């Protein structure tokens, strides 16, 4: 009975996390009115990085960081550069040019690229259900975007998101390579990679646009994104992974596309046509299938 109750609690916790992550798209849109996208991304993850400092300054983590080998430092720095600087920078820039749902849909393309890259880089062959999921996702994408009618900024936005999705896929491969060795704790991996990526983003953002004037309201957006939607949400999500199966986590995570569509409609007046809704639903289902392996396990 206790196990069943714990399982139900974990499901609701995971749904809470996906809701928080979905609201990030809306909050980012609001903040972009004042803060340039690259600077905004850098500030978000730098503040989140600072949130981890009280936890990282424990004897065991300090000792672990001191014992990191040069090749491990190189991998962590590379992960920070690819996942935070490129992927998150592209997401914020994409949100400044595209509707929230379009950005979310593009990010769902990541598992397919990861599955293909894993064939060559990690010798992991996709299962039949993953190939079916990939096909469904492509059908959904085609249904969503056709007939193609884009203005200049949207075309640039899609190009930016394609780069971001590729970077996201590469970072997933790098992260998997680092984590499967199990010689570095998740907290140290997150702390170092996030710090590296955030600092690079801030330097680039300040160099390009200077230091922005940020209102009290927008500082509130930033703090919420960093503390609640990043530090707290990622920690809670990792906690739910101790109880939920990979399939359950994948399905719950797949609800974000629908959540973002509803939130964007309500708060940003971003409408979804019936055709786009059908395409989005097919793509979301396909993305979930891609992340499912035999016996419901992620690799």
Protein backbone atom coordinates (compact mmCIF):
# COMPACT_ATOMS: atom_id res chain seq x y z
CA UNK A 1 0.00 0.00 0.00
CA UNK A 2 2.83 2.32 0.87
CA UNK A 3 4.57 1.52 -2.42
CA UNK A 4 1.39 2.24 -4.40
CA UNK A 5 0.91 5.54 -2.54
CA UNK A 6 4.54 6.51 -3.19
CA UNK A 7 4.09 5.70 -6.88
CA UNK A 8 1.02 7.93 -7.17
CA UNK A 9 2.84 10.77 -5.39
CA UNK A 10 5.75 10.42 -7.84
CA UNK A 11 3.37 10.67 -10.80
CA UNK A 12 1.90 13.92 -9.46
CA UNK A 13 5.40 15.24 -8.71
CA UNK A 14 6.49 14.49 -12.28
CA UNK A 15 3.39 16.19 -13.66
CA UNK A 16 4.19 19.23 -11.50
CA UNK A 17 7.70 19.32 -12.95
CA UNK A 18 6.45 19.17 -16.54
CA UNK A 19 3.98 21.95 -15.74
CA UNK A 20 6.79 24.12 -14.35
CA UNK A 21 8.93 23.40 -17.39
CA UNK A 22 5.99 24.25 -19.67
CA UNK A 23 5.46 27.60 -17.92
CA UNK A 24 9.12 28.38 -18.64
CA UNK A 25 8.23 28.95 -22.29
CA UNK A 26 5.66 31.57 -21.28
CA UNK A 27 7.88 33.26 -18.69
CA UNK A 28 10.78 33.40 -21.15
CA UNK A 29 8.51 35.09 -23.69
CA UNK A 30 7.56 37.74 -21.11
CA UNK A 31 11.16 38.36 -20.08
CA UNK A 32 12.37 38.68 -23.68
CA UNK A 33 10.58 42.03 -23.85
CA UNK A 34 13.38 43.50 -21.72
CA UNK A 35 16.32 41.10 -21.88
CA UNK A 36 18.10 39.95 -25.08
CA UNK A 37 17.77 36.15 -25.50
CA UNK A 38 21.44 35.13 -25.02
CA UNK A 39 21.83 37.33 -21.94
CA UNK A 40 18.51 36.03 -20.59
CA UNK A 41 19.62 32.42 -20.95
CA UNK A 42 22.97 33.16 -19.32
CA UNK A 43 21.39 34.91 -16.32
CA UNK A 44 18.85 32.11 -15.82
CA UNK A 45 21.42 29.35 -15.66
CA UNK A 46 24.02 31.37 -13.78
CA UNK A 47 21.52 32.06 -10.98
CA UNK A 48 20.55 28.37 -11.00
CA UNK A 49 24.27 27.50 -10.83
CA UNK A 50 24.59 29.70 -7.73
CA UNK A 51 21.69 27.79 -6.13
CA UNK A 52 23.78 24.60 -6.16
CA UNK A 53 26.75 26.15 -4.33
CA UNK A 54 25.48 25.44 -0.77
CA UNK A 55 25.07 21.78 -1.72
CA UNK A 56 28.34 21.37 -3.61
CA UNK A 57 30.47 22.70 -0.74
CA UNK A 58 30.29 19.46 1.18
CA UNK A 59 33.42 17.50 1.92
CA UNK A 60 32.61 14.57 -0.38
CA UNK A 61 31.81 16.78 -3.39
CA UNK A 62 34.84 19.02 -2.89
CA UNK A 63 37.02 15.90 -2.69
CA UNK A 64 35.38 14.53 -5.85
CA UNK A 65 36.01 17.76 -7.79
CA UNK A 66 39.65 17.79 -6.71
CA UNK A 67 40.07 14.21 -7.95
CA UNK A 68 38.64 14.86 -11.41
CA UNK A 69 41.07 13.88 -14.16
CA UNK A 70 41.92 16.22 -17.09
CA UNK A 71 39.88 14.16 -19.57
CA UNK A 72 36.86 14.35 -17.23
CA UNK A 73 37.20 18.13 -16.99
CA UNK A 74 37.31 18.31 -20.79
CA UNK A 75 34.10 16.29 -21.09
CA UNK A 76 32.30 18.39 -18.47
CA UNK A 77 33.40 21.65 -20.11
CA UNK A 78 32.32 20.33 -23.50
CA UNK A 79 28.93 19.32 -22.06
CA UNK A 80 28.49 22.80 -20.58
CA UNK A 81 29.36 24.46 -23.87
CA UNK A 82 27.11 22.26 -26.02
CA UNK A 83 24.11 21.77 -23.68
CA UNK A 84 23.89 25.19 -22.04
CA UNK A 85 25.66 27.64 -24.34
CA UNK A 86 24.43 26.22 -27.65
CA UNK A 87 21.21 24.36 -26.79
CA UNK A 88 19.74 26.77 -24.24
CA UNK A 89 21.02 29.81 -26.09
CA UNK A 90 19.29 28.56 -29.24
CA UNK A 91 16.06 27.88 -27.32
CA UNK A 92 15.90 31.43 -25.94
CA UNK A 93 16.79 32.88 -29.34
CA UNK A 94 14.21 30.62 -30.99
CA UNK A 95 11.52 31.81 -28.57
CA UNK A 96 12.31 35.39 -29.54
CA UNK A 97 11.52 34.53 -33.18
CA UNK A 98 8.95 31.71 -33.11
CA UNK A 99 5.70 30.75 -31.33
CA UNK A 100 6.22 28.73 -28.13
CA UNK A 101 4.55 25.60 -29.52
CA UNK A 102 6.79 25.58 -32.60
CA UNK A 103 9.91 25.73 -30.42
CA UNK A 104 8.56 22.94 -28.21
CA UNK A 105 7.73 20.79 -31.23
CA UNK A 106 11.23 21.29 -32.65
CA UNK A 107 12.82 20.27 -29.35
CA UNK A 108 10.83 17.02 -29.48
CA UNK A 109 12.89 16.12 -32.55
CA UNK A 110 15.89 15.54 -30.24
CA UNK A 111 15.18 11.87 -29.30
CA UNK A 112 15.11 10.88 -32.97
CA UNK A 113 18.49 12.47 -33.68
CA UNK A 114 19.89 10.92 -30.49
CA UNK A 115 18.64 7.48 -31.55
CA UNK A 116 20.32 7.84 -34.95
CA UNK A 117 23.57 9.22 -33.51
CA UNK A 118 23.67 6.45 -30.88
CA UNK A 119 23.87 3.87 -33.66
CA UNK A 120 27.25 5.21 -34.77
CA UNK A 121 28.67 6.67 -31.53
CA UNK A 122 27.42 4.28 -28.84
CA UNK A 123 26.61 1.14 -30.88
CA UNK A 124 23.00 1.29 -29.67
CA UNK A 125 20.56 0.02 -32.29
CA UNK A 126 17.01 1.43 -32.23
CA UNK A 127 14.19 -1.06 -31.72
CA UNK A 128 11.29 -1.55 -34.12
CA UNK A 129 9.00 0.57 -31.93
CA UNK A 130 11.57 3.40 -32.03
CA UNK A 131 11.64 3.32 -35.85
CA UNK A 132 7.83 3.45 -35.85
CA UNK A 133 7.97 6.40 -33.45
CA UNK A 134 10.46 8.21 -35.69
CA UNK A 135 8.20 7.74 -38.70
CA UNK A 136 5.16 9.00 -36.79
CA UNK A 137 7.10 12.04 -35.59
CA UNK A 138 8.10 12.95 -39.15
CA UNK A 139 4.48 12.55 -40.30
CA UNK A 140 3.39 14.82 -37.45
CA UNK A 141 6.00 17.45 -38.33
CA UNK A 142 4.93 17.45 -41.99
CA UNK A 143 1.26 17.74 -40.98
CA UNK A 144 2.04 20.62 -38.60
CA UNK A 145 4.14 22.74 -41.00
CA UNK A 146 2.62 22.10 -44.43
CA UNK A 147 1.84 24.17 -46.38
CA UNK A 148 5.00 26.08 -45.46
CA UNK A 149 4.42 29.82 -45.21
CA UNK A 150 7.08 31.59 -43.17
CA UNK A 151 8.13 35.20 -42.79
CA UNK A 152 11.84 36.05 -42.64
CA UNK A 153 12.17 35.97 -38.85
CA UNK A 154 10.39 32.61 -38.62
CA UNK A 155 12.72 31.07 -41.21
CA UNK A 156 15.71 32.27 -39.20
CA UNK A 157 14.05 30.99 -36.03
CA UNK A 158 13.62 27.50 -37.51
CA UNK A 159 17.28 27.48 -38.59
CA UNK A 160 18.32 28.51 -35.07
CA UNK A 161 16.16 25.75 -33.57
CA UNK A 162 17.58 23.16 -35.96
CA UNK A 163 21.04 24.08 -34.67
CA UNK A 164 19.71 23.96 -31.11
CA UNK A 165 18.12 20.53 -31.62
CA UNK A 166 21.36 19.17 -33.08
CA UNK A 167 23.31 20.61 -30.14
CA UNK A 168 20.75 19.12 -27.74
CA UNK A 169 21.18 15.70 -29.33
CA UNK A 170 24.97 15.93 -29.18
CA UNK A 171 24.80 16.98 -25.53
CA UNK A 172 22.58 13.96 -24.80
CA UNK A 173 25.26 11.69 -26.26
CA UNK A 174 28.01 13.46 -24.27
CA UNK A 175 25.92 13.34 -21.10
CA UNK A 176 25.19 9.64 -21.59
CA UNK A 177 28.89 8.96 -22.11
CA UNK A 178 29.76 10.79 -18.88
CA UNK A 179 26.96 9.29 -16.77
CA UNK A 180 27.24 5.66 -17.85
CA UNK A 181 30.74 5.46 -16.34
CA UNK A 182 29.20 6.38 -12.95
CA UNK A 183 32.50 7.86 -11.76
CA UNK A 184 31.16 11.41 -11.32
CA UNK A 185 28.10 12.24 -9.20
CA UNK A 186 25.11 13.87 -10.98
CA UNK A 187 25.37 16.98 -8.78
CA UNK A 188 29.00 17.59 -9.75
CA UNK A 189 28.19 17.02 -13.43
CA UNK A 190 25.33 19.52 -13.30
CA UNK A 191 27.23 22.08 -11.23
CA UNK A 192 30.33 22.23 -13.43
CA UNK A 193 28.65 21.97 -16.82
CA UNK A 194 25.93 24.50 -15.93
CA UNK A 195 28.50 26.94 -14.54
CA UNK A 196 30.67 26.73 -17.66
CA UNK A 197 27.76 27.11 -20.07
CA UNK A 198 26.12 29.97 -18.14
CA UNK A 199 29.31 32.00 -17.86
CA UNK A 200 29.98 31.68 -21.60
CA UNK A 201 26.38 32.76 -22.35
CA UNK A 202 26.66 35.82 -20.10
CA UNK A 203 29.98 36.87 -21.65
CA UNK A 204 28.54 36.53 -25.17
CA UNK A 205 25.31 38.31 -24.20
CA UNK A 206 27.03 41.24 -22.50
CA UNK A 207 29.53 41.55 -25.37
CA UNK A 208 26.77 41.70 -27.97
CA UNK A 209 24.14 43.79 -26.19
CA UNK A 210 25.76 45.32 -23.10
CA UNK A 211 24.29 45.05 -19.62
CA UNK A 212 20.48 45.36 -19.84
CA UNK A 213 18.29 47.42 -17.54
CA UNK A 214 16.02 44.91 -15.85
CA UNK A 215 12.84 45.87 -14.04
CA UNK A 216 11.85 44.41 -10.68
CA UNK A 217 9.12 42.36 -12.38
CA UNK A 218 11.52 40.79 -14.87
CA UNK A 219 13.99 40.02 -12.07
CA UNK A 220 11.11 38.09 -10.52
CA UNK A 221 10.74 36.11 -13.77
CA UNK A 222 14.47 35.37 -13.75
CA UNK A 223 14.57 34.22 -10.15
CA UNK A 224 11.52 32.01 -10.63
CA UNK A 225 13.03 30.42 -13.75
CA UNK A 226 16.37 29.82 -12.05
CA UNK A 227 15.29 28.72 -8.57
CA UNK A 228 11.92 27.00 -9.16
CA UNK A 229 11.84 25.91 -12.82
CA UNK A 230 15.51 24.92 -12.95
CA UNK A 231 17.16 24.06 -9.61
CA UNK A 232 14.01 22.80 -7.84
CA UNK A 233 12.33 21.19 -10.87
CA UNK A 234 15.41 19.26 -12.03
CA UNK A 235 16.02 17.99 -8.50
CA UNK A 236 12.40 16.87 -8.10
CA UNK A 237 12.41 15.21 -11.54
CA UNK A 238 15.51 13.19 -10.63
CA UNK A 239 13.74 12.17 -7.43
CA UNK A 240 10.73 10.84 -9.37
CA UNK A 241 13.02 8.75 -11.57
CA UNK A 242 13.73 6.57 -8.52
CA UNK A 243 10.10 5.39 -8.55
CA UNK A 244 8.68 5.83 -12.06
CA UNK A 245 9.51 3.56 -14.97
CA UNK A 246 11.18 4.98 -18.06
CA UNK A 247 7.95 4.59 -20.02
CA UNK A 248 5.94 6.48 -17.40
CA UNK A 249 8.47 9.33 -17.31
CA UNK A 250 8.51 9.48 -21.11
CA UNK A 251 4.71 9.70 -21.35
CA UNK A 252 4.50 12.34 -18.62
CA UNK A 253 7.26 14.35 -20.28
CA UNK A 254 5.40 14.05 -23.58
CA UNK A 255 2.44 15.96 -22.13
CA UNK A 256 4.52 19.15 -22.18
CA UNK A 257 3.73 19.84 -25.82
CA UNK A 258 0.00 19.93 -25.03
CA UNK A 259 0.56 21.93 -21.82
CA UNK A 260 2.63 24.52 -23.67
CA UNK A 261 -0.01 24.83 -26.39
CA UNK A 262 -2.74 25.52 -23.80
CA UNK A 263 -0.59 27.96 -21.81
CA UNK A 264 0.53 29.81 -24.97
CA UNK A 265 -3.09 30.09 -26.12
CA UNK A 266 -4.24 31.46 -22.77
CA UNK A 267 -1.34 33.78 -21.90
CA UNK A 268 0.19 34.70 -25.30
CA UNK A 269 -2.80 34.45 -27.67
CA UNK A 270 -0.92 31.88 -29.78
CA UNK A 271 -3.66 29.94 -31.58
CA UNK A 272 -3.38 26.37 -32.85
CA UNK A 273 -5.35 25.30 -35.94
CA UNK A 274 -7.02 21.90 -36.10
CA UNK A 275 -4.41 20.66 -38.61
CA UNK A 276 -1.55 21.87 -36.42
CA UNK A 277 -3.14 20.20 -33.40
CA UNK A 278 -3.38 16.87 -35.24
CA UNK A 279 0.23 17.13 -36.41
CA UNK A 280 1.40 18.10 -32.95
CA UNK A 281 -0.38 15.13 -31.35
CA UNK A 282 1.05 12.64 -33.86
CA UNK A 283 4.54 14.06 -33.37
CA UNK A 284 4.25 13.95 -29.57
CA UNK A 285 3.14 10.30 -29.64
CA UNK A 286 6.00 9.44 -32.00
CA UNK A 287 8.53 11.19 -29.77
CA UNK A 288 7.34 9.13 -26.79
CA UNK A 289 7.73 5.87 -28.75
CA UNK A 290 11.28 6.82 -29.76
CA UNK A 291 12.27 7.05 -26.11
CA UNK A 292 10.91 3.60 -25.27
CA UNK A 293 13.20 0.60 -25.45
CA UNK A 294 12.63 -3.06 -24.74
CA UNK A 295 11.15 -3.76 -21.32
CA UNK A 296 10.49 -0.05 -20.87
CA UNK A 297 14.10 0.91 -20.16
CA UNK A 298 16.06 3.94 -21.24
CA UNK A 299 19.68 3.45 -22.20
